[in-house]
Amino acid sequence: SQGNTLERTFTLDAPPPIGISFVTIPPSCPGAKDGQLSAKVNQSSVRYAWSTGTDSASLTGLGEGLYRLTVTNASGCRDSAQIQLFGTLPIEVALAVENLSCRPIAGGRVEVTSLVGGNGGYQFALDARSFSGEGRFDNLSPGRYTLTVKDELGCIDSFPFGIKPRPQLQTQLPAVQTVRLGEPLRMV
């Protein structure tokens, strides 16, 4: 009231921002639901709210997809983060199929010429027989087959193919043909 003024300087400490990071284990195979996410937060006494409805620091049994997390600390401050969980690429193969032909071949053949996706360590089986590391199968009879590819984590994919029979040789002779002994027969 007498016009005197008093000034003081105060420093207000803001709480540190909430830092969120993730530890991920992706799904092992395309379509699998065995992925995991764990949230790491730089503060204690926080509450978790995942887009899945879970309220713990970790999620299990996950497939590929986008997951969102909101963390609330003891002061009521919030921070959110999201992460896309990717799985393994599906196994894709290119096959070279050799059908039966007129040449003297014991049978058809199939061979894997390129392979992508999966987790490596590939093994191959033909029509649900035992697996081996060889991607070539010989002496196949005409018919439908299924090549199954398995990777080192047990992810499996199947690829159908067919072996065509030898082409039928056909000839047509005129209704009446006279051939003298020792004369060649010419077909046009």
N, C-alpha and C. Protein backbone atom coordinates (compact mmCIF):
# COMPACT_ATOMS: atom_id res chain seq x y z
N SER A 1 0.83 -1.20 0.00
CA SER A 1 0.00 0.00 0.00
C SER A 1 0.87 1.26 0.00
N GLN A 2 2.16 1.16 0.36
CA GLN A 2 3.04 2.32 0.40
C GLN A 2 3.92 2.38 -0.86
N GLY A 3 3.67 1.50 -1.82
CA GLY A 3 4.40 1.55 -3.07
C GLY A 3 5.70 0.76 -3.08
N ASN A 4 5.96 0.02 -2.03
CA ASN A 4 7.18 -0.81 -2.01
C ASN A 4 6.93 -2.09 -2.81
N THR A 5 7.98 -2.56 -3.49
CA THR A 5 7.86 -3.76 -4.31
C THR A 5 8.92 -4.77 -3.90
N LEU A 6 8.54 -5.99 -3.85
CA LEU A 6 9.48 -7.07 -3.54
C LEU A 6 9.45 -8.07 -4.70
N GLU A 7 10.61 -8.39 -5.24
CA GLU A 7 10.70 -9.36 -6.34
C GLU A 7 11.48 -10.57 -5.88
N ARG A 8 11.00 -11.71 -6.28
CA ARG A 8 11.70 -12.97 -6.02
C ARG A 8 11.69 -13.81 -7.30
N THR A 9 12.76 -14.58 -7.50
CA THR A 9 12.84 -15.47 -8.65
C THR A 9 12.66 -16.90 -8.17
N PHE A 10 11.79 -17.63 -8.84
CA PHE A 10 11.54 -19.03 -8.50
C PHE A 10 11.86 -19.89 -9.71
N THR A 11 12.36 -21.07 -9.45
CA THR A 11 12.58 -22.05 -10.51
C THR A 11 11.62 -23.21 -10.28
N LEU A 12 10.78 -23.44 -11.24
CA LEU A 12 9.86 -24.56 -11.14
C LEU A 12 10.41 -25.70 -11.99
N ASP A 13 10.62 -26.79 -11.35
CA ASP A 13 11.12 -27.97 -12.07
C ASP A 13 9.94 -28.71 -12.70
N ALA A 14 10.04 -28.85 -13.98
CA ALA A 14 9.02 -29.65 -14.68
C ALA A 14 9.42 -31.11 -14.58
N PRO A 15 8.45 -31.99 -14.47
CA PRO A 15 8.81 -33.41 -14.42
C PRO A 15 9.46 -33.81 -15.75
N PRO A 16 10.38 -34.76 -15.69
CA PRO A 16 11.01 -35.18 -16.94
C PRO A 16 9.96 -35.82 -17.87
N PRO A 17 10.13 -35.63 -19.17
CA PRO A 17 9.18 -36.26 -20.08
C PRO A 17 9.27 -37.78 -19.97
N ILE A 18 8.15 -38.41 -20.24
CA ILE A 18 8.12 -39.87 -20.21
C ILE A 18 8.75 -40.38 -21.49
N GLY A 19 9.73 -41.23 -21.36
CA GLY A 19 10.37 -41.83 -22.53
C GLY A 19 9.92 -43.28 -22.67
N ILE A 20 9.45 -43.63 -23.84
CA ILE A 20 8.96 -44.99 -24.10
C ILE A 20 9.79 -45.60 -25.21
N SER A 21 10.28 -46.81 -24.98
CA SER A 21 10.94 -47.59 -26.03
C SER A 21 10.37 -49.01 -25.97
N PHE A 22 10.63 -49.77 -27.02
CA PHE A 22 10.06 -51.11 -27.11
C PHE A 22 11.14 -52.15 -27.37
N VAL A 23 10.93 -53.34 -26.82
CA VAL A 23 11.70 -54.53 -27.15
C VAL A 23 10.71 -55.44 -27.88
N THR A 24 11.08 -55.88 -29.07
CA THR A 24 10.13 -56.65 -29.89
C THR A 24 10.67 -58.03 -30.22
N ILE A 25 9.76 -58.97 -30.32
CA ILE A 25 10.02 -60.29 -30.89
C ILE A 25 8.93 -60.48 -31.93
N PRO A 26 9.30 -60.45 -33.23
CA PRO A 26 8.26 -60.53 -34.28
C PRO A 26 7.66 -61.93 -34.35
N PRO A 27 6.48 -62.05 -34.97
CA PRO A 27 5.89 -63.37 -35.19
C PRO A 27 6.84 -64.23 -36.02
N SER A 28 6.92 -65.52 -35.69
CA SER A 28 7.89 -66.41 -36.33
C SER A 28 7.56 -66.74 -37.77
N CYS A 29 6.28 -66.85 -38.10
CA CYS A 29 5.85 -67.25 -39.44
C CYS A 29 4.71 -66.34 -39.89
N PRO A 30 4.50 -66.22 -41.20
CA PRO A 30 3.34 -65.45 -41.66
C PRO A 30 2.05 -66.01 -41.06
N GLY A 31 1.25 -65.12 -40.49
CA GLY A 31 -0.01 -65.53 -39.88
C GLY A 31 0.12 -66.04 -38.45
N ALA A 32 1.34 -66.21 -37.94
CA ALA A 32 1.53 -66.72 -36.58
C ALA A 32 1.18 -65.65 -35.55
N LYS A 33 0.77 -66.08 -34.38
CA LYS A 33 0.42 -65.18 -33.28
C LYS A 33 1.33 -65.47 -32.09
N ASP A 34 2.65 -65.42 -32.32
CA ASP A 34 3.61 -65.69 -31.25
C ASP A 34 4.60 -64.55 -31.04
N GLY A 35 4.26 -63.35 -31.54
CA GLY A 35 5.11 -62.18 -31.35
C GLY A 35 4.95 -61.62 -29.95
N GLN A 36 5.93 -60.78 -29.56
CA GLN A 36 5.90 -60.18 -28.22
C GLN A 36 6.37 -58.73 -28.29
N LEU A 37 5.81 -57.90 -27.40
CA LEU A 37 6.23 -56.51 -27.23
C LEU A 37 6.40 -56.25 -25.75
N SER A 38 7.47 -55.55 -25.38
CA SER A 38 7.68 -55.10 -24.00
C SER A 38 8.02 -53.63 -24.05
N ALA A 39 7.35 -52.84 -23.20
CA ALA A 39 7.60 -51.41 -23.13
C ALA A 39 8.64 -51.13 -22.05
N LYS A 40 9.59 -50.27 -22.39
CA LYS A 40 10.59 -49.79 -21.43
C LYS A 40 10.32 -48.31 -21.21
N VAL A 41 10.12 -47.92 -19.95
CA VAL A 41 9.77 -46.54 -19.62
C VAL A 41 10.83 -46.01 -18.66
N ASN A 42 11.19 -44.72 -18.80
CA ASN A 42 12.24 -44.11 -17.98
C ASN A 42 11.76 -43.64 -16.62
N GLN A 43 10.56 -44.01 -16.20
CA GLN A 43 10.02 -43.63 -14.90
C GLN A 43 9.42 -44.84 -14.22
N SER A 44 9.33 -44.74 -12.91
CA SER A 44 8.68 -45.83 -12.17
C SER A 44 7.24 -45.42 -11.84
N SER A 45 6.50 -46.32 -11.32
CA SER A 45 5.10 -46.08 -10.94
C SER A 45 4.28 -45.50 -12.09
N VAL A 46 4.25 -46.23 -13.17
CA VAL A 46 3.45 -45.80 -14.32
C VAL A 46 2.34 -46.81 -14.57
N ARG A 47 1.31 -46.33 -15.25
CA ARG A 47 0.21 -47.20 -15.67
C ARG A 47 0.29 -47.34 -17.18
N TYR A 48 0.03 -48.57 -17.67
CA TYR A 48 0.09 -48.87 -19.10
C TYR A 48 -1.33 -49.07 -19.62
N ALA A 49 -1.56 -48.58 -20.83
CA ALA A 49 -2.85 -48.80 -21.50
C ALA A 49 -2.56 -49.07 -22.98
N TRP A 50 -2.60 -50.35 -23.37
CA TRP A 50 -2.35 -50.75 -24.76
C TRP A 50 -3.64 -50.67 -25.57
N SER A 51 -3.51 -50.54 -26.87
CA SER A 51 -4.67 -50.53 -27.76
C SER A 51 -5.41 -51.86 -27.74
N THR A 52 -4.77 -52.90 -27.23
CA THR A 52 -5.41 -54.22 -27.12
C THR A 52 -6.28 -54.34 -25.87
N GLY A 53 -6.20 -53.34 -24.99
CA GLY A 53 -6.93 -53.39 -23.72
C GLY A 53 -6.10 -53.92 -22.57
N THR A 54 -4.88 -54.33 -22.81
CA THR A 54 -3.99 -54.85 -21.78
C THR A 54 -3.37 -53.70 -20.99
N ASP A 55 -3.16 -53.93 -19.68
CA ASP A 55 -2.59 -52.87 -18.84
C ASP A 55 -1.26 -53.26 -18.19
N SER A 56 -0.52 -54.17 -18.82
CA SER A 56 0.79 -54.56 -18.30
C SER A 56 1.87 -54.00 -19.22
N ALA A 57 3.13 -54.14 -18.81
CA ALA A 57 4.25 -53.62 -19.60
C ALA A 57 4.52 -54.45 -20.84
N SER A 58 4.05 -55.68 -20.88
CA SER A 58 4.36 -56.58 -22.00
C SER A 58 3.10 -57.17 -22.61
N LEU A 59 3.20 -57.46 -23.91
CA LEU A 59 2.14 -58.15 -24.64
C LEU A 59 2.73 -59.42 -25.24
N THR A 60 1.96 -60.50 -25.25
CA THR A 60 2.39 -61.75 -25.88
C THR A 60 1.27 -62.25 -26.79
N GLY A 61 1.60 -63.25 -27.60
CA GLY A 61 0.61 -63.84 -28.50
C GLY A 61 0.18 -62.89 -29.60
N LEU A 62 1.12 -62.12 -30.13
CA LEU A 62 0.80 -61.09 -31.10
C LEU A 62 1.08 -61.53 -32.54
N GLY A 63 0.24 -61.06 -33.44
CA GLY A 63 0.48 -61.20 -34.87
C GLY A 63 0.99 -59.88 -35.41
N GLU A 64 1.17 -59.82 -36.72
CA GLU A 64 1.60 -58.57 -37.34
C GLU A 64 0.54 -57.51 -37.12
N GLY A 65 0.98 -56.26 -36.96
CA GLY A 65 0.01 -55.18 -36.81
C GLY A 65 0.59 -53.98 -36.10
N LEU A 66 -0.26 -52.96 -35.96
CA LEU A 66 0.11 -51.71 -35.30
C LEU A 66 -0.41 -51.77 -33.86
N TYR A 67 0.45 -51.48 -32.91
CA TYR A 67 0.10 -51.50 -31.49
C TYR A 67 0.40 -50.13 -30.89
N ARG A 68 -0.57 -49.60 -30.11
CA ARG A 68 -0.42 -48.28 -29.47
C ARG A 68 -0.38 -48.46 -27.95
N LEU A 69 0.45 -47.61 -27.33
CA LEU A 69 0.60 -47.65 -25.87
C LEU A 69 0.49 -46.23 -25.33
N THR A 70 -0.31 -46.06 -24.26
CA THR A 70 -0.36 -44.80 -23.51
C THR A 70 0.13 -45.10 -22.11
N VAL A 71 1.10 -44.29 -21.64
CA VAL A 71 1.68 -44.45 -20.31
C VAL A 71 1.32 -43.21 -19.50
N THR A 72 0.86 -43.44 -18.26
CA THR A 72 0.51 -42.35 -17.34
C THR A 72 1.37 -42.49 -16.10
N ASN A 73 2.08 -41.39 -15.70
CA ASN A 73 2.93 -41.48 -14.51
C ASN A 73 2.15 -41.08 -13.26
N ALA A 74 2.83 -41.10 -12.12
CA ALA A 74 2.18 -40.83 -10.84
C ALA A 74 1.63 -39.41 -10.76
N SER A 75 2.18 -38.45 -11.53
CA SER A 75 1.71 -37.07 -11.53
C SER A 75 0.53 -36.86 -12.47
N GLY A 76 0.15 -37.92 -13.20
CA GLY A 76 -0.95 -37.80 -14.14
C GLY A 76 -0.53 -37.38 -15.54
N CYS A 77 0.78 -37.24 -15.75
CA CYS A 77 1.26 -36.89 -17.09
C CYS A 77 1.19 -38.13 -17.99
N ARG A 78 0.90 -37.88 -19.27
CA ARG A 78 0.75 -39.00 -20.21
C ARG A 78 1.68 -38.83 -21.40
N ASP A 79 2.03 -39.97 -21.96
CA ASP A 79 2.74 -39.99 -23.24
C ASP A 79 2.28 -41.23 -23.99
N SER A 80 2.30 -41.14 -25.30
CA SER A 80 1.86 -42.25 -26.13
C SER A 80 2.93 -42.57 -27.17
N ALA A 81 2.94 -43.82 -27.58
CA ALA A 81 3.83 -44.28 -28.64
C ALA A 81 3.13 -45.42 -29.36
N GLN A 82 3.56 -45.67 -30.57
CA GLN A 82 3.03 -46.80 -31.32
C GLN A 82 4.16 -47.51 -32.03
N ILE A 83 3.94 -48.78 -32.33
CA ILE A 83 4.95 -49.57 -33.02
C ILE A 83 4.26 -50.54 -33.96
N GLN A 84 4.85 -50.69 -35.13
CA GLN A 84 4.35 -51.65 -36.12
C GLN A 84 5.16 -52.94 -35.96
N LEU A 85 4.49 -54.03 -35.71
CA LEU A 85 5.15 -55.33 -35.57
C LEU A 85 5.06 -56.06 -36.91
N PHE A 86 6.21 -56.32 -37.49
CA PHE A 86 6.28 -57.02 -38.78
C PHE A 86 6.67 -58.46 -38.56
N GLY A 87 6.16 -59.33 -39.38
CA GLY A 87 6.51 -60.74 -39.31
C GLY A 87 7.48 -61.11 -40.43
N THR A 88 7.71 -62.38 -40.53
CA THR A 88 8.58 -62.91 -41.58
C THR A 88 7.87 -62.86 -42.92
N LEU A 89 8.62 -62.58 -43.97
CA LEU A 89 8.03 -62.61 -45.31
C LEU A 89 7.64 -64.04 -45.67
N PRO A 90 6.54 -64.22 -46.39
CA PRO A 90 6.14 -65.57 -46.78
C PRO A 90 7.19 -66.19 -47.72
N ILE A 91 7.26 -67.50 -47.67
CA ILE A 91 8.18 -68.24 -48.54
C ILE A 91 7.61 -68.21 -49.96
N GLU A 92 8.47 -67.85 -50.90
CA GLU A 92 8.09 -67.87 -52.32
C GLU A 92 9.17 -68.62 -53.09
N VAL A 93 8.74 -69.49 -54.00
CA VAL A 93 9.70 -70.26 -54.80
C VAL A 93 9.38 -70.11 -56.28
N ALA A 94 10.42 -70.32 -57.08
CA ALA A 94 10.26 -70.48 -58.53
C ALA A 94 10.69 -71.91 -58.84
N LEU A 95 9.87 -72.60 -59.59
CA LEU A 95 10.13 -74.01 -59.91
C LEU A 95 10.41 -74.18 -61.41
N ALA A 96 11.37 -75.04 -61.71
CA ALA A 96 11.59 -75.48 -63.09
C ALA A 96 11.02 -76.89 -63.19
N VAL A 97 9.98 -77.06 -63.99
CA VAL A 97 9.31 -78.34 -64.14
C VAL A 97 9.64 -78.89 -65.52
N GLU A 98 10.14 -80.14 -65.56
CA GLU A 98 10.42 -80.80 -66.83
C GLU A 98 9.43 -81.94 -66.98
N ASN A 99 8.56 -81.80 -67.98
CA ASN A 99 7.56 -82.83 -68.24
C ASN A 99 8.19 -84.01 -68.97
N LEU A 100 7.48 -85.10 -69.05
CA LEU A 100 7.95 -86.24 -69.83
C LEU A 100 7.94 -85.85 -71.30
N SER A 101 8.89 -86.35 -72.05
CA SER A 101 8.94 -86.01 -73.47
C SER A 101 9.22 -87.28 -74.27
N CYS A 102 9.36 -87.14 -75.57
CA CYS A 102 9.63 -88.30 -76.44
C CYS A 102 11.07 -88.78 -76.29
N ARG A 103 11.93 -87.90 -75.77
CA ARG A 103 13.32 -88.33 -75.57
C ARG A 103 13.36 -89.44 -74.52
N PRO A 104 14.38 -90.26 -74.55
CA PRO A 104 14.46 -91.34 -73.57
C PRO A 104 14.84 -90.81 -72.18
N ILE A 105 13.84 -90.38 -71.45
CA ILE A 105 14.03 -89.87 -70.09
C ILE A 105 13.26 -90.77 -69.15
N ALA A 106 13.84 -91.03 -67.97
CA ALA A 106 13.18 -91.93 -67.02
C ALA A 106 11.88 -91.34 -66.48
N GLY A 107 11.79 -90.01 -66.39
CA GLY A 107 10.57 -89.42 -65.86
C GLY A 107 10.69 -87.92 -65.80
N GLY A 108 9.69 -87.29 -65.21
CA GLY A 108 9.69 -85.85 -65.07
C GLY A 108 10.60 -85.40 -63.94
N ARG A 109 10.74 -84.08 -63.85
CA ARG A 109 11.64 -83.53 -62.84
C ARG A 109 11.13 -82.17 -62.40
N VAL A 110 11.37 -81.82 -61.12
CA VAL A 110 11.11 -80.47 -60.62
C VAL A 110 12.33 -80.04 -59.82
N GLU A 111 12.65 -78.74 -59.94
CA GLU A 111 13.79 -78.20 -59.22
C GLU A 111 13.47 -76.78 -58.77
N VAL A 112 13.84 -76.46 -57.53
CA VAL A 112 13.67 -75.11 -57.01
C VAL A 112 14.79 -74.26 -57.61
N THR A 113 14.42 -73.22 -58.36
CA THR A 113 15.43 -72.37 -58.99
C THR A 113 15.68 -71.09 -58.22
N SER A 114 14.72 -70.63 -57.44
CA SER A 114 14.94 -69.48 -56.55
C SER A 114 13.98 -69.58 -55.38
N LEU A 115 14.40 -69.00 -54.26
CA LEU A 115 13.61 -69.08 -53.04
C LEU A 115 13.86 -67.81 -52.23
N VAL A 116 12.80 -67.13 -51.80
CA VAL A 116 12.91 -65.94 -50.95
C VAL A 116 11.90 -66.06 -49.82
N GLY A 117 12.11 -65.24 -48.79
CA GLY A 117 11.22 -65.21 -47.64
C GLY A 117 11.59 -66.26 -46.61
N GLY A 118 10.75 -66.41 -45.62
CA GLY A 118 11.01 -67.37 -44.56
C GLY A 118 12.21 -66.99 -43.71
N ASN A 119 12.75 -67.97 -43.00
CA ASN A 119 13.82 -67.73 -42.04
C ASN A 119 15.10 -68.48 -42.36
N GLY A 120 15.29 -68.93 -43.60
CA GLY A 120 16.52 -69.65 -43.97
C GLY A 120 16.49 -71.09 -43.50
N GLY A 121 17.57 -71.81 -43.79
CA GLY A 121 17.67 -73.21 -43.38
C GLY A 121 16.59 -74.07 -44.01
N TYR A 122 16.35 -73.92 -45.30
CA TYR A 122 15.21 -74.55 -45.97
C TYR A 122 15.40 -76.05 -46.15
N GLN A 123 14.27 -76.75 -46.03
CA GLN A 123 14.18 -78.17 -46.35
C GLN A 123 12.97 -78.38 -47.25
N PHE A 124 13.01 -79.46 -48.03
CA PHE A 124 12.00 -79.69 -49.05
C PHE A 124 11.43 -81.10 -48.93
N ALA A 125 10.13 -81.21 -49.23
CA ALA A 125 9.46 -82.52 -49.25
C ALA A 125 8.48 -82.54 -50.42
N LEU A 126 8.33 -83.71 -50.99
CA LEU A 126 7.40 -83.88 -52.10
C LEU A 126 6.25 -84.76 -51.64
N ASP A 127 5.04 -84.24 -51.75
CA ASP A 127 3.82 -84.96 -51.35
C ASP A 127 3.89 -85.52 -49.94
N ALA A 128 4.25 -84.66 -48.99
CA ALA A 128 4.24 -84.98 -47.55
C ALA A 128 5.18 -86.12 -47.17
N ARG A 129 6.20 -86.36 -47.97
CA ARG A 129 7.21 -87.34 -47.58
C ARG A 129 8.21 -86.65 -46.67
N SER A 130 9.26 -87.34 -46.29
CA SER A 130 10.23 -86.75 -45.37
C SER A 130 11.00 -85.60 -46.02
N PHE A 131 11.42 -84.64 -45.19
CA PHE A 131 12.12 -83.45 -45.66
C PHE A 131 13.60 -83.74 -45.84
N SER A 132 14.19 -83.05 -46.83
CA SER A 132 15.64 -83.11 -47.04
C SER A 132 16.10 -81.74 -47.52
N GLY A 133 17.40 -81.54 -47.55
CA GLY A 133 17.96 -80.28 -47.99
C GLY A 133 18.05 -80.15 -49.49
N GLU A 134 17.64 -81.18 -50.23
CA GLU A 134 17.74 -81.19 -51.69
C GLU A 134 16.46 -80.62 -52.30
N GLY A 135 16.58 -79.58 -53.12
CA GLY A 135 15.43 -78.94 -53.77
C GLY A 135 15.18 -79.44 -55.17
N ARG A 136 15.58 -80.69 -55.47
CA ARG A 136 15.36 -81.28 -56.79
C ARG A 136 14.81 -82.70 -56.63
N PHE A 137 13.81 -83.01 -57.44
CA PHE A 137 13.19 -84.33 -57.42
C PHE A 137 13.12 -84.85 -58.85
N ASP A 138 13.69 -86.05 -59.08
CA ASP A 138 13.77 -86.65 -60.41
C ASP A 138 12.86 -87.88 -60.52
N ASN A 139 12.73 -88.38 -61.73
CA ASN A 139 11.99 -89.61 -62.04
C ASN A 139 10.53 -89.55 -61.59
N LEU A 140 9.89 -88.45 -61.87
CA LEU A 140 8.49 -88.28 -61.48
C LEU A 140 7.57 -88.76 -62.59
N SER A 141 6.54 -89.46 -62.21
CA SER A 141 5.51 -89.92 -63.14
C SER A 141 4.55 -88.78 -63.44
N PRO A 142 3.78 -88.91 -64.52
CA PRO A 142 2.78 -87.87 -64.79
C PRO A 142 1.79 -87.76 -63.63
N GLY A 143 1.36 -86.54 -63.33
CA GLY A 143 0.37 -86.34 -62.28
C GLY A 143 0.57 -85.02 -61.56
N ARG A 144 -0.24 -84.82 -60.51
CA ARG A 144 -0.20 -83.61 -59.69
C ARG A 144 0.65 -83.88 -58.46
N TYR A 145 1.45 -82.91 -58.06
CA TYR A 145 2.34 -83.02 -56.90
C TYR A 145 2.25 -81.75 -56.08
N THR A 146 2.73 -81.84 -54.82
CA THR A 146 2.85 -80.67 -53.97
C THR A 146 4.24 -80.65 -53.37
N LEU A 147 4.97 -79.57 -53.64
CA LEU A 147 6.28 -79.36 -53.04
C LEU A 147 6.07 -78.54 -51.77
N THR A 148 6.57 -79.05 -50.65
CA THR A 148 6.45 -78.36 -49.38
C THR A 148 7.82 -77.86 -48.96
N VAL A 149 7.89 -76.59 -48.55
CA VAL A 149 9.13 -75.97 -48.10
C VAL A 149 8.97 -75.61 -46.63
N LYS A 150 9.98 -75.98 -45.83
CA LYS A 150 9.99 -75.69 -44.39
C LYS A 150 11.27 -74.93 -44.07
N ASP A 151 11.16 -73.85 -43.26
CA ASP A 151 12.36 -73.10 -42.88
C ASP A 151 12.83 -73.54 -41.49
N GLU A 152 13.91 -72.91 -41.01
CA GLU A 152 14.52 -73.35 -39.76
C GLU A 152 13.65 -73.12 -38.52
N LEU A 153 12.62 -72.27 -38.62
CA LEU A 153 11.70 -72.07 -37.50
C LEU A 153 10.46 -72.94 -37.61
N GLY A 154 10.39 -73.75 -38.66
CA GLY A 154 9.24 -74.64 -38.84
C GLY A 154 8.10 -74.03 -39.64
N CYS A 155 8.31 -72.83 -40.21
CA CYS A 155 7.29 -72.24 -41.08
C CYS A 155 7.21 -73.06 -42.36
N ILE A 156 6.00 -73.36 -42.78
CA ILE A 156 5.79 -74.24 -43.93
C ILE A 156 4.91 -73.56 -44.95
N ASP A 157 5.26 -73.76 -46.22
CA ASP A 157 4.40 -73.32 -47.31
C ASP A 157 4.43 -74.39 -48.40
N SER A 158 3.35 -74.53 -49.14
CA SER A 158 3.23 -75.58 -50.16
C SER A 158 2.97 -74.99 -51.53
N PHE A 159 3.51 -75.68 -52.55
CA PHE A 159 3.42 -75.21 -53.93
C PHE A 159 3.03 -76.37 -54.84
N PRO A 160 1.81 -76.36 -55.37
CA PRO A 160 1.38 -77.44 -56.27
C PRO A 160 1.97 -77.26 -57.67
N PHE A 161 2.19 -78.38 -58.35
CA PHE A 161 2.64 -78.36 -59.74
C PHE A 161 2.23 -79.69 -60.36
N GLY A 162 2.38 -79.80 -61.66
CA GLY A 162 2.02 -81.03 -62.36
C GLY A 162 3.08 -81.44 -63.35
N ILE A 163 3.16 -82.75 -63.59
CA ILE A 163 4.03 -83.33 -64.61
C ILE A 163 3.11 -83.87 -65.71
N LYS A 164 3.34 -83.40 -66.93
CA LYS A 164 2.51 -83.84 -68.05
C LYS A 164 3.07 -85.15 -68.61
N PRO A 165 2.19 -86.02 -69.15
CA PRO A 165 2.66 -87.29 -69.73
C PRO A 165 3.38 -87.04 -71.07
N ARG A 166 4.05 -88.09 -71.53
CA ARG A 166 4.69 -88.02 -72.85
C ARG A 166 3.63 -87.74 -73.91
N PRO A 167 3.96 -86.93 -74.90
CA PRO A 167 2.97 -86.70 -75.96
C PRO A 167 2.74 -87.98 -76.75
N GLN A 168 1.52 -88.18 -77.18
CA GLN A 168 1.17 -89.36 -77.97
C GLN A 168 1.60 -89.15 -79.42
N LEU A 169 2.31 -90.13 -79.97
CA LEU A 169 2.67 -90.08 -81.38
C LEU A 169 1.50 -90.63 -82.19
N GLN A 170 1.12 -89.90 -83.22
CA GLN A 170 0.00 -90.34 -84.06
C GLN A 170 0.41 -90.26 -85.52
N THR A 171 0.01 -91.25 -86.27
CA THR A 171 0.24 -91.25 -87.72
C THR A 171 -1.08 -91.55 -88.42
N GLN A 172 -1.18 -91.05 -89.61
CA GLN A 172 -2.37 -91.35 -90.42
C GLN A 172 -1.88 -91.87 -91.77
N LEU A 173 -2.39 -92.98 -92.15
CA LEU A 173 -2.08 -93.58 -93.45
C LEU A 173 -3.30 -93.46 -94.35
N PRO A 174 -3.06 -93.34 -95.65
CA PRO A 174 -4.22 -93.35 -96.54
C PRO A 174 -4.96 -94.69 -96.41
N ALA A 175 -6.20 -94.65 -96.77
CA ALA A 175 -7.03 -95.86 -96.65
C ALA A 175 -6.41 -97.04 -97.39
N VAL A 176 -5.86 -96.78 -98.60
CA VAL A 176 -5.23 -97.86 -99.36
C VAL A 176 -3.81 -97.40 -99.66
N GLN A 177 -2.87 -98.25 -99.36
CA GLN A 177 -1.46 -97.95 -99.61
C GLN A 177 -0.81 -99.22 -100.14
N THR A 178 -0.17 -99.12 -101.27
CA THR A 178 0.52 -100.27 -101.84
C THR A 178 2.01 -100.06 -101.66
N VAL A 179 2.67 -101.04 -101.08
CA VAL A 179 4.11 -100.97 -100.86
C VAL A 179 4.70 -102.24 -101.45
N ARG A 180 5.68 -102.09 -102.31
CA ARG A 180 6.36 -103.25 -102.87
C ARG A 180 7.54 -103.60 -101.97
N LEU A 181 7.87 -104.82 -101.96
CA LEU A 181 8.96 -105.32 -101.14
C LEU A 181 10.24 -104.56 -101.44
N GLY A 182 10.84 -103.97 -100.38
CA GLY A 182 12.09 -103.24 -100.51
C GLY A 182 11.91 -101.76 -100.82
N GLU A 183 10.68 -101.30 -101.09
CA GLU A 183 10.43 -99.88 -101.35
C GLU A 183 10.23 -99.14 -100.02
N PRO A 184 10.82 -97.96 -99.93
CA PRO A 184 10.56 -97.16 -98.72
C PRO A 184 9.17 -96.55 -98.79
N LEU A 185 8.58 -96.31 -97.64
CA LEU A 185 7.30 -95.63 -97.56
C LEU A 185 7.56 -94.20 -97.11
N ARG A 186 7.17 -93.25 -97.90
CA ARG A 186 7.40 -91.85 -97.58
C ARG A 186 6.12 -91.25 -97.02
N MET A 187 6.27 -90.60 -95.90
CA MET A 187 5.13 -89.91 -95.26
C MET A 187 5.38 -88.41 -95.39
N VAL A 188 4.38 -87.68 -95.72
CA VAL A 188 4.53 -86.24 -95.85
C VAL A 188 3.78 -85.55 -94.74
